[in-house]
Amino acid sequence: MLAAGSPLGVPWIDPADIAPVVAFLASDQARMVSGASFAVTAGDSAHITA
């Protein structure tokens, strides 16, 4: 039921879903990233516009 309401079809977000983003931001590959926001929401925030 929860998966049906999610745009990506997942019922909830696990820590394993967020870990790659955290690892990226902690790595040298993100050295040029500043002032950015990364929404790890499984598409749940797709209906929100700025």
C-alpha atoms as a PDB file:
ATOM      1  CA  MET A   1       0.000   0.000   0.000  1.00  0.00           C
ATOM      2  CA  LEU A   2       2.796   2.437   0.876  1.00  0.00           C
ATOM      3  CA  ALA A   3       4.781   1.458  -2.221  1.00  0.00           C
ATOM      4  CA  ALA A   4       1.812   2.283  -4.440  1.00  0.00           C
ATOM      5  CA  GLY A   5       1.851   5.874  -3.152  1.00  0.00           C
ATOM      6  CA  SER A   6       5.551   6.407  -3.856  1.00  0.00           C
ATOM      7  CA  PRO A   7       6.620   7.615  -7.328  1.00  0.00           C
ATOM      8  CA  LEU A   8       9.528   5.132  -7.348  1.00  0.00           C
ATOM      9  CA  GLY A   9       7.430   2.320  -5.890  1.00  0.00           C
ATOM     10  CA  VAL A  10       9.346   1.856  -2.637  1.00  0.00           C
ATOM     11  CA  PRO A  11       7.499   1.724   0.689  1.00  0.00           C
ATOM     12  CA  TRP A  12      10.191   3.495   2.747  1.00  0.00           C
ATOM     13  CA  ILE A  13      13.773   4.684   2.593  1.00  0.00           C
ATOM     14  CA  ASP A  14      16.437   2.513   4.222  1.00  0.00           C
ATOM     15  CA  PRO A  15      19.749   3.819   5.557  1.00  0.00           C
ATOM     16  CA  ALA A  16      21.362   1.879   2.696  1.00  0.00           C
ATOM     17  CA  ASP A  17      19.534   4.207   0.287  1.00  0.00           C
ATOM     18  CA  ILE A  18      21.046   7.316   1.874  1.00  0.00           C
ATOM     19  CA  ALA A  19      24.551   5.921   2.460  1.00  0.00           C
ATOM     20  CA  PRO A  20      25.769   6.375  -1.159  1.00  0.00           C
ATOM     21  CA  VAL A  21      24.874  10.069  -1.056  1.00  0.00           C
ATOM     22  CA  VAL A  22      26.689  10.524   2.255  1.00  0.00           C
ATOM     23  CA  ALA A  23      29.707   8.607   0.948  1.00  0.00           C
ATOM     24  CA  PHE A  24      29.781  10.760  -2.177  1.00  0.00           C
ATOM     25  CA  LEU A  25      29.592  14.008  -0.229  1.00  0.00           C
ATOM     26  CA  ALA A  26      32.384  12.826   2.074  1.00  0.00           C
ATOM     27  CA  SER A  27      34.600  11.873  -0.872  1.00  0.00           C
ATOM     28  CA  ASP A  28      37.016  13.905  -2.979  1.00  0.00           C
ATOM     29  CA  GLN A  29      34.576  13.574  -5.890  1.00  0.00           C
ATOM     30  CA  ALA A  30      32.340  16.142  -4.184  1.00  0.00           C
ATOM     31  CA  ARG A  31      35.118  18.711  -3.773  1.00  0.00           C
ATOM     32  CA  MET A  32      33.337  21.119  -6.118  1.00  0.00           C
ATOM     33  CA  VAL A  33      29.938  20.763  -4.426  1.00  0.00           C
ATOM     34  CA  SER A  34      28.933  23.658  -2.213  1.00  0.00           C
ATOM     35  CA  GLY A  35      25.599  25.036  -1.166  1.00  0.00           C
ATOM     36  CA  ALA A  36      23.696  22.139  -2.720  1.00  0.00           C
ATOM     37  CA  SER A  37      20.763  20.215  -1.396  1.00  0.00           C
ATOM     38  CA  PHE A  38      20.234  16.528  -2.140  1.00  0.00           C
ATOM     39  CA  ALA A  39      16.732  15.189  -1.535  1.00  0.00           C
ATOM     40  CA  VAL A  40      16.903  11.431  -0.969  1.00  0.00           C
ATOM     41  CA  THR A  41      13.148  10.907  -0.860  1.00  0.00           C
ATOM     42  CA  ALA A  42      12.490   8.115  -3.391  1.00  0.00           C
ATOM     43  CA  GLY A  43      10.637  10.681  -5.461  1.00  0.00           C
ATOM     44  CA  ASP A  44       8.202  11.522  -2.670  1.00  0.00           C
ATOM     45  CA  SER A  45       8.992  15.212  -3.035  1.00  0.00           C
ATOM     46  CA  ALA A  46       8.465  15.241  -6.818  1.00  0.00           C
ATOM     47  CA  HIS A  47       5.163  17.071  -6.431  1.00  0.00           C
ATOM     48  CA  ILE A  48       6.811  19.951  -4.503  1.00  0.00           C
ATOM     49  CA  THR A  49       7.914  22.875  -6.636  1.00  0.00           C
ATOM     50  CA  ALA A  50      10.138  25.759  -5.628  1.00  0.00           C
END
